[in-house]
Structure formats: C-alpha cells, structure tokens
Amino acid sequence: FRQVSGKGREAISCISGSGSSTVYAGSVEGG
C-alpha cells in the first residue's frame, strides 16, 4: 500500500501465499 502525505492509505497490490494469484488497484494496473 502507499500513502501520500496528508492522505489515507491506498492499497495497490496483493499476492497470494503461493504466488499464484495477484491483484492490482486500477491506478497502478499495467505499470
């Protein structure tokens, strides 16, 4: 997750324990 100064936390990505599944926030997907 990331946090901009003065703002809340933004979850941006997650990966499963095995590494087989990943997800991304729309703001960062593709990059």
PDB file of all heavy atoms in Angstrom:
ATOM      1  N   PHE A   1       0.854  -1.175   0.000  1.00  0.00           N
ATOM      2  CA  PHE A   1       0.000   0.000   0.000  1.00  0.00           C
ATOM      3  C   PHE A   1       0.890   1.225   0.000  1.00  0.00           C
ATOM      4  O   PHE A   1       2.068   1.151   0.331  1.00  0.00           O
ATOM      5  CB  PHE A   1      -0.994   0.007   1.171  1.00  0.00           C
ATOM      6  CG  PHE A   1      -0.390   0.213   2.542  1.00  0.00           C
ATOM      7  CD1 PHE A   1      -0.177   1.493   3.036  1.00  0.00           C
ATOM      8  CD2 PHE A   1      -0.065  -0.865   3.340  1.00  0.00           C
ATOM      9  CE1 PHE A   1       0.360   1.688   4.310  1.00  0.00           C
ATOM     10  CE2 PHE A   1       0.468  -0.687   4.616  1.00  0.00           C
ATOM     11  CZ  PHE A   1       0.683   0.593   5.094  1.00  0.00           C
ATOM     12  N   ARG A   2       0.320   2.338  -0.366  1.00  0.00           N
ATOM     13  CA  ARG A   2       1.081   3.577  -0.370  1.00  0.00           C
ATOM     14  C   ARG A   2       0.282   4.671   0.303  1.00  0.00           C
ATOM     15  O   ARG A   2      -0.942   4.608   0.402  1.00  0.00           O
ATOM     16  CB  ARG A   2       1.462   3.992  -1.793  1.00  0.00           C
ATOM     17  CG  ARG A   2       0.278   4.314  -2.701  1.00  0.00           C
ATOM     18  CD  ARG A   2       0.762   4.540  -4.132  1.00  0.00           C
ATOM     19  NE  ARG A   2      -0.338   4.869  -5.027  1.00  0.00           N
ATOM     20  CZ  ARG A   2      -0.211   5.009  -6.338  1.00  0.00           C
ATOM     21  NH1 ARG A   2       0.978   4.838  -6.926  1.00  0.00           N
ATOM     22  NH2 ARG A   2      -1.271   5.308  -7.091  1.00  0.00           N
ATOM     23  N   GLN A   3       0.998   5.674   0.757  1.00  0.00           N
ATOM     24  CA  GLN A   3       0.359   6.769   1.458  1.00  0.00           C
ATOM     25  C   GLN A   3       0.987   8.085   1.030  1.00  0.00           C
ATOM     26  O   GLN A   3       2.194   8.287   1.168  1.00  0.00           O
ATOM     27  CB  GLN A   3       0.476   6.590   2.971  1.00  0.00           C
ATOM     28  CG  GLN A   3      -0.298   7.621   3.776  1.00  0.00           C
ATOM     29  CD  GLN A   3      -0.423   7.242   5.242  1.00  0.00           C
ATOM     30  OE1 GLN A   3       0.431   6.549   5.786  1.00  0.00           O
ATOM     31  NE2 GLN A   3      -1.486   7.692   5.885  1.00  0.00           N
ATOM     32  N   VAL A   4       0.151   8.954   0.513  1.00  0.00           N
ATOM     33  CA  VAL A   4       0.574  10.299   0.160  1.00  0.00           C
ATOM     34  C   VAL A   4       0.464  11.165   1.405  1.00  0.00           C
ATOM     35  O   VAL A   4      -0.461  11.009   2.204  1.00  0.00           O
ATOM     36  CB  VAL A   4      -0.298  10.868  -0.972  1.00  0.00           C
ATOM     37  CG1 VAL A   4       0.095  12.308  -1.293  1.00  0.00           C
ATOM     38  CG2 VAL A   4      -0.184   9.999  -2.208  1.00  0.00           C
ATOM     39  N   SER A   5       1.397  12.070   1.560  1.00  0.00           N
ATOM     40  CA  SER A   5       1.396  12.943   2.724  1.00  0.00           C
ATOM     41  C   SER A   5       0.048  13.628   2.896  1.00  0.00           C
ATOM     42  O   SER A   5      -0.472  14.237   1.960  1.00  0.00           O
ATOM     43  CB  SER A   5       2.497  13.993   2.591  1.00  0.00           C
ATOM     44  OG  SER A   5       2.522  14.857   3.696  1.00  0.00           O
ATOM     45  N   GLY A   6      -0.521  13.487   4.088  1.00  0.00           N
ATOM     46  CA  GLY A   6      -1.788  14.118   4.388  1.00  0.00           C
ATOM     47  C   GLY A   6      -3.012  13.357   3.926  1.00  0.00           C
ATOM     48  O   GLY A   6      -4.137  13.828   4.108  1.00  0.00           O
ATOM     49  N   LYS A   7      -2.815  12.191   3.325  1.00  0.00           N
ATOM     50  CA  LYS A   7      -3.933  11.405   2.839  1.00  0.00           C
ATOM     51  C   LYS A   7      -3.890   9.992   3.411  1.00  0.00           C
ATOM     52  O   LYS A   7      -2.939   9.591   4.061  1.00  0.00           O
ATOM     53  CB  LYS A   7      -3.929  11.362   1.316  1.00  0.00           C
ATOM     54  CG  LYS A   7      -4.104  12.725   0.663  1.00  0.00           C
ATOM     55  CD  LYS A   7      -4.205  12.627  -0.844  1.00  0.00           C
ATOM     56  CE  LYS A   7      -4.427  13.991  -1.469  1.00  0.00           C
ATOM     57  NZ  LYS A   7      -4.540  13.908  -2.946  1.00  0.00           N
ATOM     58  N   GLY A   8      -4.954   9.254   3.154  1.00  0.00           N
ATOM     59  CA  GLY A   8      -5.060   7.907   3.674  1.00  0.00           C
ATOM     60  C   GLY A   8      -4.258   6.888   2.889  1.00  0.00           C
ATOM     61  O   GLY A   8      -3.634   7.192   1.873  1.00  0.00           O
ATOM     62  N   ARG A   9      -4.295   5.680   3.375  1.00  0.00           N
ATOM     63  CA  ARG A   9      -3.579   4.589   2.734  1.00  0.00           C
ATOM     64  C   ARG A   9      -4.348   4.068   1.526  1.00  0.00           C
ATOM     65  O   ARG A   9      -5.562   3.930   1.565  1.00  0.00           O
ATOM     66  CB  ARG A   9      -3.371   3.458   3.733  1.00  0.00           C
ATOM     67  CG  ARG A   9      -2.521   3.854   4.933  1.00  0.00           C
ATOM     68  CD  ARG A   9      -2.617   2.828   6.036  1.00  0.00           C
ATOM     69  NE  ARG A   9      -1.820   3.223   7.193  1.00  0.00           N
ATOM     70  CZ  ARG A   9      -1.868   2.640   8.375  1.00  0.00           C
ATOM     71  NH1 ARG A   9      -2.693   1.616   8.565  1.00  0.00           N
ATOM     72  NH2 ARG A   9      -1.112   3.075   9.359  1.00  0.00           N
ATOM     73  N   GLU A  10      -3.608   3.781   0.478  1.00  0.00           N
ATOM     74  CA  GLU A  10      -4.190   3.244  -0.744  1.00  0.00           C
ATOM     75  C   GLU A  10      -3.593   1.879  -1.019  1.00  0.00           C
ATOM     76  O   GLU A  10      -2.402   1.757  -1.302  1.00  0.00           O
ATOM     77  CB  GLU A  10      -3.929   4.164  -1.933  1.00  0.00           C
ATOM     78  CG  GLU A  10      -4.490   3.621  -3.243  1.00  0.00           C
ATOM     79  CD  GLU A  10      -4.029   4.383  -4.466  1.00  0.00           C
ATOM     80  OE1 GLU A  10      -3.052   5.159  -4.355  1.00  0.00           O
ATOM     81  OE2 GLU A  10      -4.645   4.212  -5.536  1.00  0.00           O
ATOM     82  N   ALA A  11      -4.416   0.844  -0.937  1.00  0.00           N
ATOM     83  CA  ALA A  11      -3.962  -0.493  -1.294  1.00  0.00           C
ATOM     84  C   ALA A  11      -3.717  -0.540  -2.788  1.00  0.00           C
ATOM     85  O   ALA A  11      -4.563  -0.123  -3.578  1.00  0.00           O
ATOM     86  CB  ALA A  11      -5.003  -1.531  -0.892  1.00  0.00           C
ATOM     87  N   ILE A  12      -2.574  -1.064  -3.198  1.00  0.00           N
ATOM     88  CA  ILE A  12      -2.253  -1.066  -4.612  1.00  0.00           C
ATOM     89  C   ILE A  12      -2.032  -2.459  -5.193  1.00  0.00           C
ATOM     90  O   ILE A  12      -2.172  -2.644  -6.400  1.00  0.00           O
ATOM     91  CB  ILE A  12      -1.026  -0.180  -4.918  1.00  0.00           C
ATOM     92  CG1 ILE A  12       0.199  -0.627  -4.111  1.00  0.00           C
ATOM     93  CG2 ILE A  12      -1.342   1.280  -4.610  1.00  0.00           C
ATOM     94  CD1 ILE A  12       1.465   0.123  -4.476  1.00  0.00           C
ATOM     95  N   SER A  13      -1.709  -3.441  -4.361  1.00  0.00           N
ATOM     96  CA  SER A  13      -1.473  -4.766  -4.906  1.00  0.00           C
ATOM     97  C   SER A  13      -1.462  -5.816  -3.810  1.00  0.00           C
ATOM     98  O   SER A  13      -1.211  -5.510  -2.642  1.00  0.00           O
ATOM     99  CB  SER A  13      -0.141  -4.807  -5.667  1.00  0.00           C
ATOM    100  OG  SER A  13       0.019  -6.032  -6.358  1.00  0.00           O
ATOM    101  N   CYS A  14      -1.721  -7.053  -4.203  1.00  0.00           N
ATOM    102  CA  CYS A  14      -1.679  -8.170  -3.269  1.00  0.00           C
ATOM    103  C   CYS A  14      -1.319  -9.429  -4.036  1.00  0.00           C
ATOM    104  O   CYS A  14      -1.670  -9.572  -5.212  1.00  0.00           O
ATOM    105  CB  CYS A  14      -3.030  -8.339  -2.576  1.00  0.00           C
ATOM    106  SG  CYS A  14      -3.075  -9.613  -1.288  1.00  0.00           S
ATOM    107  N   ILE A  15      -0.647 -10.339  -3.361  1.00  0.00           N
ATOM    108  CA  ILE A  15      -0.262 -11.610  -3.958  1.00  0.00           C
ATOM    109  C   ILE A  15      -0.525 -12.716  -2.951  1.00  0.00           C
ATOM    110  O   ILE A  15      -0.287 -12.556  -1.752  1.00  0.00           O
ATOM    111  CB  ILE A  15       1.214 -11.586  -4.413  1.00  0.00           C
ATOM    112  CG1 ILE A  15       1.588 -12.872  -5.151  1.00  0.00           C
ATOM    113  CG2 ILE A  15       2.150 -11.329  -3.238  1.00  0.00           C
ATOM    114  CD1 ILE A  15       2.944 -12.783  -5.853  1.00  0.00           C
ATOM    115  N   SER A  16      -1.032 -13.830  -3.418  1.00  0.00           N
ATOM    116  CA  SER A  16      -1.350 -14.947  -2.547  1.00  0.00           C
ATOM    117  C   SER A  16      -0.082 -15.583  -2.003  1.00  0.00           C
ATOM    118  O   SER A  16       1.028 -15.341  -2.477  1.00  0.00           O
ATOM    119  CB  SER A  16      -2.178 -15.992  -3.297  1.00  0.00           C
ATOM    120  OG  SER A  16      -1.442 -16.528  -4.382  1.00  0.00           O
ATOM    121  N   GLY A  17      -0.264 -16.407  -0.972  1.00  0.00           N
ATOM    122  CA  GLY A  17       0.883 -17.042  -0.341  1.00  0.00           C
ATOM    123  C   GLY A  17       1.734 -17.846  -1.297  1.00  0.00           C
ATOM    124  O   GLY A  17       2.974 -17.811  -1.225  1.00  0.00           O
ATOM    125  N   SER A  18       1.093 -18.557  -2.191  1.00  0.00           N
ATOM    126  CA  SER A  18       1.811 -19.376  -3.157  1.00  0.00           C
ATOM    127  C   SER A  18       2.390 -18.555  -4.303  1.00  0.00           C
ATOM    128  O   SER A  18       3.265 -19.030  -5.027  1.00  0.00           O
ATOM    129  CB  SER A  18       0.895 -20.451  -3.723  1.00  0.00           C
ATOM    130  OG  SER A  18      -0.120 -19.877  -4.512  1.00  0.00           O
ATOM    131  N   GLY A  19       1.876 -17.360  -4.483  1.00  0.00           N
ATOM    132  CA  GLY A  19       2.287 -16.522  -5.597  1.00  0.00           C
ATOM    133  C   GLY A  19       1.501 -16.760  -6.865  1.00  0.00           C
ATOM    134  O   GLY A  19       1.806 -16.153  -7.900  1.00  0.00           O
ATOM    135  N   SER A  20       0.498 -17.614  -6.799  1.00  0.00           N
ATOM    136  CA  SER A  20      -0.242 -17.974  -7.996  1.00  0.00           C
ATOM    137  C   SER A  20      -1.280 -16.936  -8.409  1.00  0.00           C
ATOM    138  O   SER A  20      -1.720 -16.929  -9.557  1.00  0.00           O
ATOM    139  CB  SER A  20      -0.929 -19.328  -7.805  1.00  0.00           C
ATOM    140  OG  SER A  20      -1.864 -19.277  -6.736  1.00  0.00           O
ATOM    141  N   SER A  21      -1.685 -16.082  -7.481  1.00  0.00           N
ATOM    142  CA  SER A  21      -2.710 -15.085  -7.771  1.00  0.00           C
ATOM    143  C   SER A  21      -2.239 -13.703  -7.374  1.00  0.00           C
ATOM    144  O   SER A  21      -1.646 -13.520  -6.312  1.00  0.00           O
ATOM    145  CB  SER A  21      -4.004 -15.410  -7.027  1.00  0.00           C
ATOM    146  OG  SER A  21      -4.522 -16.672  -7.411  1.00  0.00           O
ATOM    147  N   THR A  22      -2.525 -12.744  -8.227  1.00  0.00           N
ATOM    148  CA  THR A  22      -2.174 -11.357  -7.949  1.00  0.00           C
ATOM    149  C   THR A  22      -3.331 -10.446  -8.318  1.00  0.00           C
ATOM    150  O   THR A  22      -4.128 -10.756  -9.203  1.00  0.00           O
ATOM    151  CB  THR A  22      -0.932 -10.913  -8.737  1.00  0.00           C
ATOM    152  OG1 THR A  22      -1.177 -11.071 -10.146  1.00  0.00           O
ATOM    153  CG2 THR A  22       0.288 -11.739  -8.354  1.00  0.00           C
ATOM    154  N   VAL A  23      -3.416  -9.318  -7.637  1.00  0.00           N
ATOM    155  CA  VAL A  23      -4.423  -8.313  -7.938  1.00  0.00           C
ATOM    156  C   VAL A  23      -3.779  -6.943  -7.835  1.00  0.00           C
ATOM    157  O   VAL A  23      -2.782  -6.749  -7.127  1.00  0.00           O
ATOM    158  CB  VAL A  23      -5.638  -8.387  -6.995  1.00  0.00           C
ATOM    159  CG1 VAL A  23      -6.466  -9.640  -7.264  1.00  0.00           C
ATOM    160  CG2 VAL A  23      -5.200  -8.340  -5.535  1.00  0.00           C
ATOM    161  N   TYR A  24      -4.367  -5.985  -8.533  1.00  0.00           N
ATOM    162  CA  TYR A  24      -3.851  -4.633  -8.554  1.00  0.00           C
ATOM    163  C   TYR A  24      -4.985  -3.624  -8.512  1.00  0.00           C
ATOM    164  O   TYR A  24      -6.078  -3.865  -9.042  1.00  0.00           O
ATOM    165  CB  TYR A  24      -3.039  -4.380  -9.828  1.00  0.00           C
ATOM    166  CG  TYR A  24      -1.851  -5.297  -9.979  1.00  0.00           C
ATOM    167  CD1 TYR A  24      -1.974  -6.513 -10.638  1.00  0.00           C
ATOM    168  CD2 TYR A  24      -0.614  -4.943  -9.456  1.00  0.00           C
ATOM    169  CE1 TYR A  24      -0.890  -7.367 -10.765  1.00  0.00           C
ATOM    170  CE2 TYR A  24       0.478  -5.789  -9.589  1.00  0.00           C
ATOM    171  CZ  TYR A  24       0.336  -7.002 -10.246  1.00  0.00           C
ATOM    172  OH  TYR A  24       1.416  -7.848 -10.377  1.00  0.00           O
ATOM    173  N   ALA A  25      -4.708  -2.498  -7.898  1.00  0.00           N
ATOM    174  CA  ALA A  25      -5.629  -1.388  -7.966  1.00  0.00           C
ATOM    175  C   ALA A  25      -5.615  -0.822  -9.380  1.00  0.00           C
ATOM    176  O   ALA A  25      -4.600  -0.877 -10.082  1.00  0.00           O
ATOM    177  CB  ALA A  25      -5.233  -0.303  -6.970  1.00  0.00           C
ATOM    178  N   GLY A  26      -6.745  -0.269  -9.785  1.00  0.00           N
ATOM    179  CA  GLY A  26      -6.826   0.278 -11.127  1.00  0.00           C
ATOM    180  C   GLY A  26      -5.819   1.377 -11.400  1.00  0.00           C
ATOM    181  O   GLY A  26      -5.393   1.564 -12.549  1.00  0.00           O
ATOM    182  N   SER A  27      -5.420   2.083 -10.357  1.00  0.00           N
ATOM    183  CA  SER A  27      -4.491   3.190 -10.524  1.00  0.00           C
ATOM    184  C   SER A  27      -3.087   2.752 -10.918  1.00  0.00           C
ATOM    185  O   SER A  27      -2.307   3.562 -11.427  1.00  0.00           O
ATOM    186  CB  SER A  27      -4.425   4.013  -9.233  1.00  0.00           C
ATOM    187  OG  SER A  27      -4.008   3.214  -8.143  1.00  0.00           O
ATOM    188  N   VAL A  28      -2.754   1.484 -10.694  1.00  0.00           N
ATOM    189  CA  VAL A  28      -1.398   1.010 -10.974  1.00  0.00           C
ATOM    190  C   VAL A  28      -1.354  -0.173 -11.922  1.00  0.00           C
ATOM    191  O   VAL A  28      -0.273  -0.550 -12.384  1.00  0.00           O
ATOM    192  CB  VAL A  28      -0.647   0.644  -9.681  1.00  0.00           C
ATOM    193  CG1 VAL A  28      -0.624   1.819  -8.716  1.00  0.00           C
ATOM    194  CG2 VAL A  28      -1.266  -0.584  -9.014  1.00  0.00           C
ATOM    195  N   GLU A  29      -2.481  -0.771 -12.212  1.00  0.00           N
ATOM    196  CA  GLU A  29      -2.508  -1.949 -13.077  1.00  0.00           C
ATOM    197  C   GLU A  29      -1.927  -1.625 -14.452  1.00  0.00           C
ATOM    198  O   GLU A  29      -2.255  -0.607 -15.055  1.00  0.00           O
ATOM    199  CB  GLU A  29      -3.931  -2.482 -13.221  1.00  0.00           C
ATOM    200  CG  GLU A  29      -4.005  -3.821 -13.928  1.00  0.00           C
ATOM    201  CD  GLU A  29      -5.373  -4.462 -13.817  1.00  0.00           C
ATOM    202  OE1 GLU A  29      -6.318  -3.771 -13.403  1.00  0.00           O
ATOM    203  OE2 GLU A  29      -5.501  -5.661 -14.135  1.00  0.00           O
ATOM    204  N   GLY A  30      -1.055  -2.488 -14.898  1.00  0.00           N
ATOM    205  CA  GLY A  30      -0.392  -2.291 -16.171  1.00  0.00           C
ATOM    206  C   GLY A  30       0.992  -1.702 -16.033  1.00  0.00           C
ATOM    207  O   GLY A  30       1.820  -1.828 -16.946  1.00  0.00           O
ATOM    208  N   GLY A  31       1.249  -1.055 -14.909  1.00  0.00           N
ATOM    209  CA  GLY A  31       2.544  -0.453 -14.684  1.00  0.00           C
ATOM    210  C   GLY A  31       3.324  -1.072 -13.544  1.00  0.00           C
ATOM    211  O   GLY A  31       4.552  -1.049 -13.543  1.00  0.00           O
TER     212      GLY A  31
END
